[in-house]
C-alpha atoms as a PDB file:
ATOM      1  CA  MET A   1      -3.390  -8.426   1.231  1.00  0.00           C
ATOM      2  CA  HIS A   2      -0.857  -6.303   3.130  1.00  0.00           C
ATOM      3  CA  ASP A   3       2.425  -5.218   1.578  1.00  0.00           C
ATOM      4  CA  PRO A   4       5.548  -6.855   3.086  1.00  0.00           C
ATOM      5  CA  GLN A   5       7.014  -4.576   5.743  1.00  0.00           C
ATOM      6  CA  PRO A   6      10.720  -3.766   6.097  1.00  0.00           C
ATOM      7  CA  SER A   7      12.724  -5.022   9.053  1.00  0.00           C
ATOM      8  CA  LEU A   8      14.465  -2.589  11.408  1.00  0.00           C
ATOM      9  CA  GLN A   9      17.750  -3.560   9.776  1.00  0.00           C
ATOM     10  CA  GLU A  10      16.388  -2.608   6.338  1.00  0.00           C
ATOM     11  CA  TRP A  11      15.058   0.696   7.650  1.00  0.00           C
ATOM     12  CA  HIS A  12      18.422   1.413   9.239  1.00  0.00           C
ATOM     13  CA  ALA A  13      20.190   0.788   5.921  1.00  0.00           C
ATOM     14  CA  LEU A  14      17.843   3.230   4.176  1.00  0.00           C
ATOM     15  CA  TYR A  15      18.353   5.962   6.765  1.00  0.00           C
ATOM     16  CA  ARG A  16      22.118   5.387   6.664  1.00  0.00           C
ATOM     17  CA  ALA A  17      22.105   5.799   2.872  1.00  0.00           C
ATOM     18  CA  ALA A  18      20.017   8.978   3.196  1.00  0.00           C
ATOM     19  CA  ILE A  19      22.334  10.454   5.836  1.00  0.00           C
ATOM     20  CA  ASP A  20      25.402   9.733   3.695  1.00  0.00           C
ATOM     21  CA  PHE A  21      23.695  11.333   0.700  1.00  0.00           C
ATOM     22  CA  TRP A  22      22.661  14.434   2.665  1.00  0.00           C
ATOM     23  CA  GLN A  23      26.215  14.918   3.925  1.00  0.00           C
ATOM     24  CA  ILE A  24      27.462  15.053   0.326  1.00  0.00           C
ATOM     25  CA  GLN A  25      24.868  17.746  -0.576  1.00  0.00           C
ATOM     26  CA  PRO A  26      25.188  17.067  -4.330  1.00  0.00           C
ATOM     27  CA  TRP A  27      22.439  19.551  -5.292  1.00  0.00           C
ATOM     28  CA  HIS A  28      25.142  22.235  -5.116  1.00  0.00           C
ATOM     29  CA  TRP A  29      26.624  20.945  -8.379  1.00  0.00           C
ATOM     30  CA  VAL A  30      24.080  18.494  -9.845  1.00  0.00           C
ATOM     31  CA  ASN A  31      21.052  19.829 -11.745  1.00  0.00           C
ATOM     32  CA  ASP A  32      17.585  18.287 -11.997  1.00  0.00           C
ATOM     33  CA  THR A  33      18.276  17.696 -15.710  1.00  0.00           C
ATOM     34  CA  ASP A  34      21.209  15.379 -14.891  1.00  0.00           C
ATOM     35  CA  LEU A  35      19.285  12.124 -15.191  1.00  0.00           C
ATOM     36  CA  PHE A  36      20.801   8.656 -14.703  1.00  0.00           C
ATOM     37  CA  GLY A  37      19.483   5.180 -13.983  1.00  0.00           C
ATOM     38  CA  VAL A  38      19.840   2.510 -11.299  1.00  0.00           C
ATOM     39  CA  LYS A  39      18.771  -1.056 -12.053  1.00  0.00           C
ATOM     40  CA  ASN A  40      16.776  -2.741  -9.290  1.00  0.00           C
ATOM     41  CA  PRO A  41      18.640  -5.907  -8.186  1.00  0.00           C
ATOM     42  CA  GLU A  42      15.329  -7.639  -7.387  1.00  0.00           C
ATOM     43  CA  ASN A  43      13.354  -7.166 -10.605  1.00  0.00           C
ATOM     44  CA  ASP A  44      15.702  -5.451 -13.125  1.00  0.00           C
ATOM     45  CA  GLU A  45      13.418  -2.402 -13.384  1.00  0.00           C
ATOM     46  CA  ILE A  46      15.371   0.791 -13.971  1.00  0.00           C
ATOM     47  CA  GLY A  47      14.754   3.742 -11.694  1.00  0.00           C
ATOM     48  CA  TYR A  48      15.706   7.051 -13.303  1.00  0.00           C
ATOM     49  CA  CYS A  49      17.240   9.295 -10.649  1.00  0.00           C
ATOM     50  CA  CYS A  50      16.820  13.050 -10.496  1.00  0.00           C
ATOM     51  CA  ILE A  51      18.690  14.982  -7.798  1.00  0.00           C
ATOM     52  CA  VAL A  52      16.750  18.088  -6.795  1.00  0.00           C
ATOM     53  CA  GLY A  53      17.685  21.038  -4.616  1.00  0.00           C
ATOM     54  CA  ALA A  54      19.617  23.484  -6.789  1.00  0.00           C
ATOM     55  CA  LEU A  55      17.053  26.182  -5.933  1.00  0.00           C
ATOM     56  CA  GLY A  56      17.175  25.316  -2.229  1.00  0.00           C
ATOM     57  CA  GLU A  57      13.422  24.780  -1.914  1.00  0.00           C
ATOM     58  CA  PHE A  58      13.125  20.985  -2.126  1.00  0.00           C
ATOM     59  CA  LEU A  59      16.131  18.774  -1.359  1.00  0.00           C
ATOM     60  CA  GLY A  60      16.363  15.114  -2.239  1.00  0.00           C
ATOM     61  CA  VAL A  61      16.246  12.407  -4.881  1.00  0.00           C
ATOM     62  CA  VAL A  62      13.289  11.444  -7.043  1.00  0.00           C
ATOM     63  CA  VAL A  63      13.534   7.926  -8.503  1.00  0.00           C
ATOM     64  CA  TYR A  64      11.171   7.601 -11.476  1.00  0.00           C
ATOM     65  CA  LEU A  65      10.189   3.953 -11.835  1.00  0.00           C
ATOM     66  CA  GLY A  66      10.528   2.304 -15.237  1.00  0.00           C
ATOM     67  CA  THR A  67       9.704   3.796 -18.611  1.00  0.00           C
ATOM     68  CA  GLU A  68       6.339   4.990 -17.299  1.00  0.00           C
ATOM     69  CA  GLY A  69       8.113   6.993 -14.620  1.00  0.00           C
ATOM     70  CA  LEU A  70      10.648   8.294 -17.139  1.00  0.00           C
ATOM     71  CA  GLU A  71       7.838   9.568 -19.364  1.00  0.00           C
ATOM     72  CA  SER A  72       6.308  11.472 -16.446  1.00  0.00           C
ATOM     73  CA  TYR A  73       9.714  13.069 -15.755  1.00  0.00           C
ATOM     74  CA  LEU A  74      10.102  14.158 -19.380  1.00  0.00           C
ATOM     75  CA  LYS A  75       6.580  15.625 -19.382  1.00  0.00           C
ATOM     76  CA  THR A  76       7.379  17.474 -16.160  1.00  0.00           C
ATOM     77  CA  GLN A  77      10.407  19.094 -17.777  1.00  0.00           C
ATOM     78  CA  MET A  78       8.123  20.607 -20.423  1.00  0.00           C
ATOM     79  CA  SER A  79       5.347  21.605 -18.009  1.00  0.00           C
ATOM     80  CA  GLU A  80       4.549  25.089 -16.723  1.00  0.00           C
ATOM     81  CA  SER A  81       3.616  23.600 -13.335  1.00  0.00           C
ATOM     82  CA  PRO A  82       6.245  20.878 -12.723  1.00  0.00           C
ATOM     83  CA  GLU A  83       5.566  20.307  -9.008  1.00  0.00           C
ATOM     84  CA  GLU A  84       1.849  19.736  -9.624  1.00  0.00           C
ATOM     85  CA  ASP A  85       2.662  17.258 -12.395  1.00  0.00           C
ATOM     86  CA  VAL A  86       5.315  15.332 -10.428  1.00  0.00           C
ATOM     87  CA  PHE A  87       3.201  14.772  -7.373  1.00  0.00           C
ATOM     88  CA  GLY A  88      -0.032  14.219  -9.251  1.00  0.00           C
ATOM     89  CA  THR A  89       0.934  11.895 -12.066  1.00  0.00           C
ATOM     90  CA  ALA A  90       4.405  10.472 -11.450  1.00  0.00           C
ATOM     91  CA  LYS A  91       5.291   6.913 -10.544  1.00  0.00           C
ATOM     92  CA  CYS A  92       8.305   7.354  -8.308  1.00  0.00           C
ATOM     93  CA  LEU A  93      10.071   6.865  -4.992  1.00  0.00           C
ATOM     94  CA  VAL A  94      11.143  10.029  -3.197  1.00  0.00           C
ATOM     95  CA  ALA A  95      13.785  10.567  -0.527  1.00  0.00           C
ATOM     96  CA  SER A  96      13.583  14.183   0.616  1.00  0.00           C
ATOM     97  CA  PHE A  97      15.063  16.218   3.443  1.00  0.00           C
ATOM     98  CA  GLU A  98      12.470  18.236   5.312  1.00  0.00           C
ATOM     99  CA  ASP A  99      11.848  20.392   8.338  1.00  0.00           C
ATOM    100  CA  ARG A 100      10.808  18.365  11.375  1.00  0.00           C
ATOM    101  CA  LYS A 101       7.186  19.561  11.215  1.00  0.00           C
ATOM    102  CA  PHE A 102       6.577  17.849   7.868  1.00  0.00           C
ATOM    103  CA  LEU A 103       7.206  14.340   9.213  1.00  0.00           C
ATOM    104  CA  GLN A 104       4.233  12.246  10.306  1.00  0.00           C
ATOM    105  CA  LYS A 105       3.892  10.166  13.454  1.00  0.00           C
ATOM    106  CA  PRO A 106       5.135   6.890  11.833  1.00  0.00           C
ATOM    107  CA  ASP A 107       8.248   8.732  10.588  1.00  0.00           C
ATOM    108  CA  HIS A 108       9.090  10.024  14.064  1.00  0.00           C
ATOM    109  CA  GLU A 109       8.424   6.612  15.599  1.00  0.00           C
ATOM    110  CA  MET A 110      10.831   4.905  13.192  1.00  0.00           C
ATOM    111  CA  ILE A 111      13.566   7.480  13.815  1.00  0.00           C
ATOM    112  CA  LYS A 112      13.147   6.933  17.557  1.00  0.00           C
ATOM    113  CA  LYS A 113      13.266   3.124  17.171  1.00  0.00           C
ATOM    114  CA  LEU A 114      16.503   3.402  15.232  1.00  0.00           C
ATOM    115  CA  GLY A 115      18.038   5.724  17.825  1.00  0.00           C
ATOM    116  CA  LEU A 116      18.713   8.447  15.257  1.00  0.00           C
ATOM    117  CA  LYS A 117      18.733  12.199  15.823  1.00  0.00           C
ATOM    118  CA  PHE A 118      18.395  15.055  13.354  1.00  0.00           C
ATOM    119  CA  ARG A 119      18.567  18.797  13.846  1.00  0.00           C
ATOM    120  CA  GLY A 120      17.993  21.845  11.712  1.00  0.00           C
ATOM    121  CA  ALA A 121      15.944  22.826   8.695  1.00  0.00           C
ATOM    122  CA  LYS A 122      15.755  20.489   5.707  1.00  0.00           C
ATOM    123  CA  SER A 123      17.755  17.765   7.440  1.00  0.00           C
ATOM    124  CA  TRP A 124      15.069  15.230   8.400  1.00  0.00           C
ATOM    125  CA  PRO A 125      14.830  12.285   5.942  1.00  0.00           C
ATOM    126  CA  LEU A 126      11.347  11.575   4.583  1.00  0.00           C
ATOM    127  CA  PHE A 127      10.550   8.621   2.309  1.00  0.00           C
ATOM    128  CA  ARG A 128       7.404   8.282   0.204  1.00  0.00           C
ATOM    129  CA  VAL A 129       6.071   6.416  -2.819  1.00  0.00           C
ATOM    130  CA  TYR A 130       4.074   8.351  -5.423  1.00  0.00           C
ATOM    131  CA  GLU A 131       1.696   6.651  -7.835  1.00  0.00           C
ATOM    132  CA  PRO A 132      -0.822   8.191 -10.250  1.00  0.00           C
ATOM    133  CA  GLY A 133      -4.170   8.689  -8.546  1.00  0.00           C
ATOM    134  CA  TYR A 134      -2.930   7.914  -5.035  1.00  0.00           C
ATOM    135  CA  TYR A 135      -1.876   9.968  -2.041  1.00  0.00           C
ATOM    136  CA  PRO A 136       1.878   9.834  -1.222  1.00  0.00           C
ATOM    137  CA  TRP A 137       2.376   6.843   1.051  1.00  0.00           C
ATOM    138  CA  TYR A 138       4.798   4.950   3.253  1.00  0.00           C
ATOM    139  CA  LEU A 139       7.229   2.469   1.714  1.00  0.00           C
ATOM    140  CA  ASN A 140       6.929  -1.308   1.750  1.00  0.00           C
ATOM    141  CA  ARG A 141       9.897  -3.692   1.939  1.00  0.00           C
ATOM    142  CA  PRO A 142      10.744  -3.890  -1.815  1.00  0.00           C
ATOM    143  CA  GLN A 143      10.550  -0.089  -2.064  1.00  0.00           C
ATOM    144  CA  VAL A 144      12.830   0.403   0.947  1.00  0.00           C
ATOM    145  CA  PHE A 145      15.298  -2.080  -0.557  1.00  0.00           C
ATOM    146  CA  PHE A 146      15.447  -0.347  -3.935  1.00  0.00           C
ATOM    147  CA  LEU A 147      15.501   3.215  -2.591  1.00  0.00           C
ATOM    148  CA  THR A 148      18.452   2.267  -0.366  1.00  0.00           C
ATOM    149  CA  HIS A 149      20.444   1.136  -3.404  1.00  0.00           C
ATOM    150  CA  ALA A 150      19.265   4.119  -5.455  1.00  0.00           C
ATOM    151  CA  LEU A 151      20.526   6.559  -2.804  1.00  0.00           C
ATOM    152  CA  GLN A 152      23.867   4.785  -2.585  1.00  0.00           C
ATOM    153  CA  GLN A 153      24.335   4.834  -6.351  1.00  0.00           C
ATOM    154  CA  ALA A 154      23.106   8.434  -6.599  1.00  0.00           C
ATOM    155  CA  ALA A 155      25.848   9.394  -4.140  1.00  0.00           C
ATOM    156  CA  ASP A 156      28.417   7.542  -6.269  1.00  0.00           C
ATOM    157  CA  VAL A 157      27.308   9.152  -9.530  1.00  0.00           C
ATOM    158  CA  SER A 158      27.007  12.665  -8.083  1.00  0.00           C
ATOM    159  CA  LEU A 159      30.575  12.581  -6.715  1.00  0.00           C
ATOM    160  CA  ARG A 160      31.820  11.508 -10.137  1.00  0.00           C
ATOM    161  CA  ILE A 161      29.843  14.300 -11.818  1.00  0.00           C
ATOM    162  CA  LYS A 162      31.635  16.759  -9.525  1.00  0.00           C
ATOM    163  CA  VAL A 163      34.974  15.909 -11.156  1.00  0.00           C
ATOM    164  CA  ASN A 164      33.611  15.107 -14.624  1.00  0.00           C
ATOM    165  CA  ARG A 165      30.737  17.255 -15.893  1.00  0.00           C
ATOM    166  CA  ASP A 166      30.585  15.138 -19.060  1.00  0.00           C
ATOM    167  CA  LEU A 167      29.882  11.889 -17.199  1.00  0.00           C
ATOM    168  CA  LEU A 168      26.237  11.723 -18.320  1.00  0.00           C
ATOM    169  CA  ASN A 169      26.831  12.945 -21.875  1.00  0.00           C
ATOM    170  CA  ASN A 170      26.373  10.425 -24.660  1.00  0.00           C
ATOM    171  CA  SER A 171      26.091  10.793 -28.425  1.00  0.00           C
ATOM    172  CA  GLU A 172      23.182   8.332 -28.313  1.00  0.00           C
ATOM    173  CA  LYS A 173      20.392  10.592 -27.070  1.00  0.00           C
ATOM    174  CA  VAL A 174      18.033   7.689 -26.365  1.00  0.00           C
ATOM    175  CA  GLN A 175      20.460   6.078 -23.920  1.00  0.00           C
ATOM    176  CA  TYR A 176      21.064   6.831 -20.253  1.00  0.00           C
ATOM    177  CA  LEU A 177      23.940   6.005 -17.937  1.00  0.00           C
ATOM    178  CA  VAL A 178      22.631   3.190 -15.726  1.00  0.00           C
ATOM    179  CA  ARG A 179      24.252   1.674 -12.655  1.00  0.00           C
ATOM    180  CA  VAL A 180      23.880  -2.086 -13.063  1.00  0.00           C
ATOM    181  CA  PRO A 181      24.410  -4.598 -10.216  1.00  0.00           C
ATOM    182  CA  GLU A 182      26.456  -7.767 -10.588  1.00  0.00           C
ATOM    183  CA  PRO A 183      26.002 -10.354  -7.815  1.00  0.00           C
ATOM    184  CA  SER A 184      29.152 -11.898  -6.369  1.00  0.00           C
ATOM    185  CA  GLY A 185      28.323 -14.233  -3.519  1.00  0.00           C
ATOM    186  CA  GLN A 186      26.480 -12.182  -0.905  1.00  0.00           C
ATOM    187  CA  GLU A 187      27.748  -8.887  -2.332  1.00  0.00           C
ATOM    188  CA  LEU A 188      26.656  -6.639  -5.180  1.00  0.00           C
ATOM    189  CA  TYR A 189      29.165  -4.931  -7.433  1.00  0.00           C
ATOM    190  CA  TRP A 190      28.034  -2.053  -9.606  1.00  0.00           C
ATOM    191  CA  LYS A 191      29.123  -1.012 -13.080  1.00  0.00           C
ATOM    192  CA  ASP A 192      28.152   1.615 -15.661  1.00  0.00           C
ATOM    193  CA  GLU A 193      26.158   0.715 -18.765  1.00  0.00           C
ATOM    194  CA  TRP A 194      24.528   2.902 -21.412  1.00  0.00           C
ATOM    195  CA  LEU A 195      20.996   1.592 -21.868  1.00  0.00           C
ATOM    196  CA  SER A 196      17.869   2.604 -23.768  1.00  0.00           C
ATOM    197  CA  PRO A 197      14.545   2.653 -21.877  1.00  0.00           C
ATOM    198  CA  ALA A 198      12.423  -0.487 -22.182  1.00  0.00           C
ATOM    199  CA  PRO A 199       9.403  -0.166 -24.520  1.00  0.00           C
ATOM    200  CA  LEU A 200       6.352   1.108 -22.664  1.00  0.00           C
ATOM    201  CA  GLU A 201       3.496  -1.386 -22.563  1.00  0.00           C
ATOM    202  CA  ARG A 202       0.307   0.636 -22.784  1.00  0.00           C
ATOM    203  CA  ALA A 203      -2.914  -0.877 -21.515  1.00  0.00           C
ATOM    204  CA  LYS A 204      -5.522  -1.413 -24.211  1.00  0.00           C
ATOM    205  CA  TYR A 205      -8.438   0.976 -23.766  1.00  0.00           C
ATOM    206  CA  GLU A 206     -11.864  -0.659 -23.578  1.00  0.00           C
ATOM    207  CA  ALA A 207     -14.865   1.656 -23.428  1.00  0.00           C
ATOM    208  CA  PRO A 208     -18.023   0.279 -21.770  1.00  0.00           C
ATOM    209  CA  VAL A 209     -21.086  -0.249 -23.974  1.00  0.00           C
ATOM    210  CA  PRO A 210     -23.969   2.237 -23.434  1.00  0.00           C
ATOM    211  CA  ASP A 211     -27.271   0.826 -22.147  1.00  0.00           C
ATOM    212  CA  GLU A 212     -29.321   0.215 -25.311  1.00  0.00           C
ATOM    213  CA  ILE A 213     -32.693   0.358 -23.529  1.00  0.00           C
ATOM    214  CA  ARG A 214     -31.919   3.795 -22.094  1.00  0.00           C
ATOM    215  CA  LEU A 215     -30.704   4.993 -25.495  1.00  0.00           C
ATOM    216  CA  GLN A 216     -33.964   3.910 -27.142  1.00  0.00           C
ATOM    217  CA  ARG A 217     -36.022   5.683 -24.477  1.00  0.00           C
ATOM    218  CA  ILE A 218     -34.083   8.903 -25.099  1.00  0.00           C
ATOM    219  CA  LYS A 219     -34.587   8.580 -28.862  1.00  0.00           C
ATOM    220  CA  LYS A 220     -38.356   8.110 -28.444  1.00  0.00           C
ATOM    221  CA  LYS A 221     -38.626  11.450 -26.640  1.00  0.00           C
ATOM    222  CA  GLY A 222     -37.701  13.242 -29.870  1.00  0.00           C
ATOM    223  CA  LEU A 223     -35.720  15.889 -28.016  1.00  0.00           C
ATOM    224  CA  ARG A 224     -34.532  18.909 -29.985  1.00  0.00           C
ATOM    225  CA  PRO A 225     -30.730  19.398 -30.169  1.00  0.00           C
ATOM    226  CA  ALA A 226     -29.606  22.806 -28.896  1.00  0.00           C
ATOM    227  CA  GLY A 227     -26.396  24.294 -27.535  1.00  0.00           C
ATOM    228  CA  ILE A 228     -22.957  22.889 -26.799  1.00  0.00           C
ATOM    229  CA  TRP A 229     -21.864  20.898 -23.769  1.00  0.00           C
ATOM    230  CA  GLU A 230     -18.248  20.874 -22.589  1.00  0.00           C
ATOM    231  CA  VAL A 231     -17.242  17.560 -21.002  1.00  0.00           C
ATOM    232  CA  ASP A 232     -14.060  16.455 -19.269  1.00  0.00           C
ATOM    233  CA  PHE A 233     -12.782  14.422 -16.354  1.00  0.00           C
ATOM    234  CA  PHE A 234      -9.613  14.977 -14.351  1.00  0.00           C
ATOM    235  CA  GLN A 235      -7.955  14.186 -11.057  1.00  0.00           C
ATOM    236  CA  PHE A 236      -9.802  15.757  -8.124  1.00  0.00           C
ATOM    237  CA  PRO A 237      -7.534  17.952  -5.927  1.00  0.00           C
ATOM    238  CA  ALA A 238      -8.593  16.481  -2.558  1.00  0.00           C
ATOM    239  CA  PRO A 239      -7.883  12.866  -1.516  1.00  0.00           C
ATOM    240  CA  ILE A 240     -10.502  10.409  -0.265  1.00  0.00           C
ATOM    241  CA  GLN A 241      -9.807   7.594   2.191  1.00  0.00           C
ATOM    242  CA  GLU A 242     -11.974   4.487   2.313  1.00  0.00           C
ATOM    243  CA  GLY A 243      -9.939   2.375   4.707  1.00  0.00           C
ATOM    244  CA  GLY A 244      -6.301   2.139   3.665  1.00  0.00           C
ATOM    245  CA  ARG A 245      -4.281   4.334   1.375  1.00  0.00           C
ATOM    246  CA  PRO A 246      -6.036   7.595   0.392  1.00  0.00           C
ATOM    247  CA  PHE A 247      -6.640   8.119  -3.311  1.00  0.00           C
ATOM    248  CA  PHE A 248      -7.463  11.019  -5.603  1.00  0.00           C
ATOM    249  CA  PRO A 249     -10.754  10.315  -7.384  1.00  0.00           C
ATOM    250  CA  LEU A 250     -11.498  11.387 -10.926  1.00  0.00           C
ATOM    251  CA  CYS A 251     -14.030  14.182 -11.333  1.00  0.00           C
ATOM    252  CA  LEU A 252     -16.512  14.364 -14.218  1.00  0.00           C
ATOM    253  CA  LEU A 253     -17.710  17.833 -15.235  1.00  0.00           C
ATOM    254  CA  ILE A 254     -20.483  18.535 -17.758  1.00  0.00           C
ATOM    255  CA  VAL A 255     -20.948  22.252 -18.437  1.00  0.00           C
ATOM    256  CA  ASP A 256     -23.250  24.222 -20.727  1.00  0.00           C
ATOM    257  CA  GLN A 257     -21.047  26.376 -22.952  1.00  0.00           C
ATOM    258  CA  ASP A 258     -23.498  29.236 -23.378  1.00  0.00           C
ATOM    259  CA  SER A 259     -24.564  29.786 -19.759  1.00  0.00           C
ATOM    260  CA  GLY A 260     -21.728  28.142 -17.824  1.00  0.00           C
ATOM    261  CA  PHE A 261     -24.314  26.076 -15.928  1.00  0.00           C
ATOM    262  CA  VAL A 262     -22.798  22.903 -14.462  1.00  0.00           C
ATOM    263  CA  PHE A 263     -25.080  19.986 -15.329  1.00  0.00           C
ATOM    264  CA  GLU A 264     -23.080  17.412 -13.424  1.00  0.00           C
ATOM    265  CA  THR A 265     -20.144  17.006 -11.038  1.00  0.00           C
ATOM    266  CA  HIS A 266     -19.382  13.416 -10.128  1.00  0.00           C
ATOM    267  CA  LEU A 267     -16.474  11.763  -8.308  1.00  0.00           C
ATOM    268  CA  GLU A 268     -15.385   8.188  -8.890  1.00  0.00           C
ATOM    269  CA  SER A 269     -12.303   6.042  -8.279  1.00  0.00           C
ATOM    270  CA  LYS A 270      -9.992   5.439 -11.213  1.00  0.00           C
ATOM    271  CA  ASP A 271     -10.784   1.725 -11.473  1.00  0.00           C
ATOM    272  CA  ARG A 272     -14.561   2.318 -11.669  1.00  0.00           C
ATOM    273  CA  HIS A 273     -14.831   5.648 -13.479  1.00  0.00           C
ATOM    274  CA  ARG A 274     -15.585   4.502 -17.036  1.00  0.00           C
ATOM    275  CA  PRO A 275     -18.962   2.772 -16.570  1.00  0.00           C
ATOM    276  CA  GLU A 276     -19.988   5.272 -13.891  1.00  0.00           C
ATOM    277  CA  PHE A 277     -19.165   8.357 -15.973  1.00  0.00           C
ATOM    278  CA  LEU A 278     -21.014   6.857 -18.939  1.00  0.00           C
ATOM    279  CA  ASN A 279     -23.989   6.278 -16.649  1.00  0.00           C
ATOM    280  CA  GLN A 280     -23.838   9.876 -15.405  1.00  0.00           C
ATOM    281  CA  MET A 281     -23.777  11.246 -18.956  1.00  0.00           C
ATOM    282  CA  LEU A 282     -26.885   9.224 -19.801  1.00  0.00           C
ATOM    283  CA  LYS A 283     -28.525  10.460 -16.607  1.00  0.00           C
ATOM    284  CA  VAL A 284     -27.903  14.124 -17.501  1.00  0.00           C
ATOM    285  CA  ILE A 285     -29.307  13.591 -20.995  1.00  0.00           C
ATOM    286  CA  GLU A 286     -32.377  11.801 -19.588  1.00  0.00           C
ATOM    287  CA  GLU A 287     -33.095  14.614 -17.127  1.00  0.00           C
ATOM    288  CA  ASN A 288     -32.830  17.467 -19.654  1.00  0.00           C
ATOM    289  CA  ALA A 289     -35.527  18.782 -21.951  1.00  0.00           C
ATOM    290  CA  TYR A 290     -33.153  18.931 -24.902  1.00  0.00           C
ATOM    291  CA  LEU A 291     -30.100  17.204 -26.349  1.00  0.00           C
ATOM    292  CA  PRO A 292     -26.807  19.007 -26.924  1.00  0.00           C
ATOM    293  CA  GLN A 293     -26.198  19.970 -30.527  1.00  0.00           C
ATOM    294  CA  GLU A 294     -22.514  19.227 -29.984  1.00  0.00           C
ATOM    295  CA  ILE A 295     -20.392  17.784 -27.193  1.00  0.00           C
ATOM    296  CA  TRP A 296     -16.899  19.267 -26.919  1.00  0.00           C
ATOM    297  CA  VAL A 297     -14.078  17.288 -25.293  1.00  0.00           C
ATOM    298  CA  LYS A 298     -10.327  17.754 -24.997  1.00  0.00           C
ATOM    299  CA  GLY A 299      -8.682  14.491 -23.926  1.00  0.00           C
ATOM    300  CA  GLU A 300      -8.438  11.322 -25.994  1.00  0.00           C
ATOM    301  CA  GLU A 301      -9.800   9.096 -23.213  1.00  0.00           C
ATOM    302  CA  VAL A 302     -12.871  11.323 -22.820  1.00  0.00           C
ATOM    303  CA  LEU A 303     -13.458  11.110 -26.568  1.00  0.00           C
ATOM    304  CA  GLN A 304     -13.185   7.314 -26.563  1.00  0.00           C
ATOM    305  CA  LEU A 305     -15.466   6.906 -23.555  1.00  0.00           C
ATOM    306  CA  PHE A 306     -18.389   8.866 -24.976  1.00  0.00           C
ATOM    307  CA  GLU A 307     -18.058   8.431 -28.758  1.00  0.00           C
ATOM    308  CA  ALA A 308     -20.281   5.318 -28.934  1.00  0.00           C
ATOM    309  CA  LEU A 309     -23.038   7.009 -26.917  1.00  0.00           C
ATOM    310  CA  VAL A 310     -22.842  10.194 -28.999  1.00  0.00           C
ATOM    311  CA  SER A 311     -22.904   8.217 -32.240  1.00  0.00           C
ATOM    312  CA  ARG A 312     -25.915   6.106 -31.185  1.00  0.00           C
ATOM    313  CA  LEU A 313     -27.896   9.268 -30.370  1.00  0.00           C
ATOM    314  CA  GLY A 314     -26.967  10.909 -33.670  1.00  0.00           C
ATOM    315  CA  LEU A 315     -25.124  13.765 -31.962  1.00  0.00           C
ATOM    316  CA  LYS A 316     -21.852  15.444 -32.889  1.00  0.00           C
ATOM    317  CA  MET A 317     -18.667  15.390 -30.828  1.00  0.00           C
ATOM    318  CA  LYS A 318     -15.708  17.695 -31.350  1.00  0.00           C
ATOM    319  CA  GLN A 319     -12.204  17.408 -29.894  1.00  0.00           C
ATOM    320  CA  VAL A 320     -10.787  20.848 -29.071  1.00  0.00           C
ATOM    321  CA  LYS A 321      -7.699  22.319 -27.412  1.00  0.00           C
ATOM    322  CA  ARG A 322      -9.582  24.351 -24.791  1.00  0.00           C
ATOM    323  CA  LEU A 323     -12.842  24.100 -22.877  1.00  0.00           C
ATOM    324  CA  LYS A 324     -13.160  27.652 -21.569  1.00  0.00           C
ATOM    325  CA  GLN A 325     -16.382  27.355 -19.574  1.00  0.00           C
ATOM    326  CA  LEU A 326     -15.330  24.042 -18.076  1.00  0.00           C
ATOM    327  CA  GLU A 327     -11.900  25.422 -17.161  1.00  0.00           C
ATOM    328  CA  TYR A 328     -13.598  28.282 -15.331  1.00  0.00           C
ATOM    329  CA  ALA A 329     -15.844  25.851 -13.427  1.00  0.00           C
ATOM    330  CA  LYS A 330     -12.849  23.653 -12.615  1.00  0.00           C
ATOM    331  CA  LYS A 331     -10.848  26.633 -11.348  1.00  0.00           C
ATOM    332  CA  SER A 332     -13.736  27.738  -9.117  1.00  0.00           C
ATOM    333  CA  MET A 333     -14.095  24.228  -7.729  1.00  0.00           C
ATOM    334  CA  ASN A 334     -10.358  23.898  -7.029  1.00  0.00           C
ATOM    335  CA  SER A 335     -10.338  27.278  -5.260  1.00  0.00           C
ATOM    336  CA  TYR A 336     -13.268  26.193  -3.098  1.00  0.00           C
ATOM    337  CA  PHE A 337     -11.631  22.952  -1.998  1.00  0.00           C
ATOM    338  CA  SER A 338      -8.245  24.577  -1.364  1.00  0.00           C
ATOM    339  CA  SER A 339      -9.812  27.328   0.769  1.00  0.00           C
ATOM    340  CA  GLY A 340     -10.511  24.970   3.657  1.00  0.00           C
ATOM    341  CA  LYS A 341     -14.262  25.622   3.609  1.00  0.00           C
ATOM    342  CA  ILE A 342     -15.083  21.938   3.715  1.00  0.00           C
END
């Protein structure tokens, strides 16, 4: 099923809002810590707006969608590599102003259709949606609609911040200034409200059940436990496209702690990774002449995925803060894929 596409009129409204915002250039007085919300008139979801550009490197607005998006923003603020985190894990809409060379063919075609012209560095509007596990992509109709309003309200708020630096300050630390729409006939009127983020609904984790027949076969071998394996999975740095929007697969790594030998590297999409990674772990165990004495993991999801298998085989699993051999293997792999050798 294809996403609904914006009309030319809707695209024109978005570009008009972006042009108006760029002309204000609010990044000269607004910081990326000045966060405020805009409520979506269509579904009441709050987008938390962050104006970026104070350093002059990346100009635009990032609209973090809902409480999930807000959490990714807050994590980014505490991260040592904020850009990597934003564009790898955030759920957001982005309106940025780029050099001409960074626009893709569909962007240029739309600008031409609308009869617009842009000149100079960091003056070409670029619109993308970011979602965890997916490559940045073009906007659909609901996203164009909301980003248009978000840009308009971001312009309003930033001009008010210019004359009142305390506009976003509130004694209630869990509340944010949110621009809220009020319908009046065919028009929307906007007002300020101080609102707390909606509770985040976390999906219940369900680990797949290990294959009992394979477990029994492994047990019958009477393999001797020896050594420590480091196990983790993480987002792969290079996207894969299988007809449609490219996605970043998850990568499973199983590394011997003593030798640094990589037992397994396996890529899988996010929606299929749990049963497949469990299968790969069983496969590695089946193909080795010994069992690991301990399996070390770092993340909670990795622990939950493999704890039933480890328990059924009578092995030990330890959750640690660092996986040094695995981190080295991961770094080598990332360097290889970023070198352009493939």
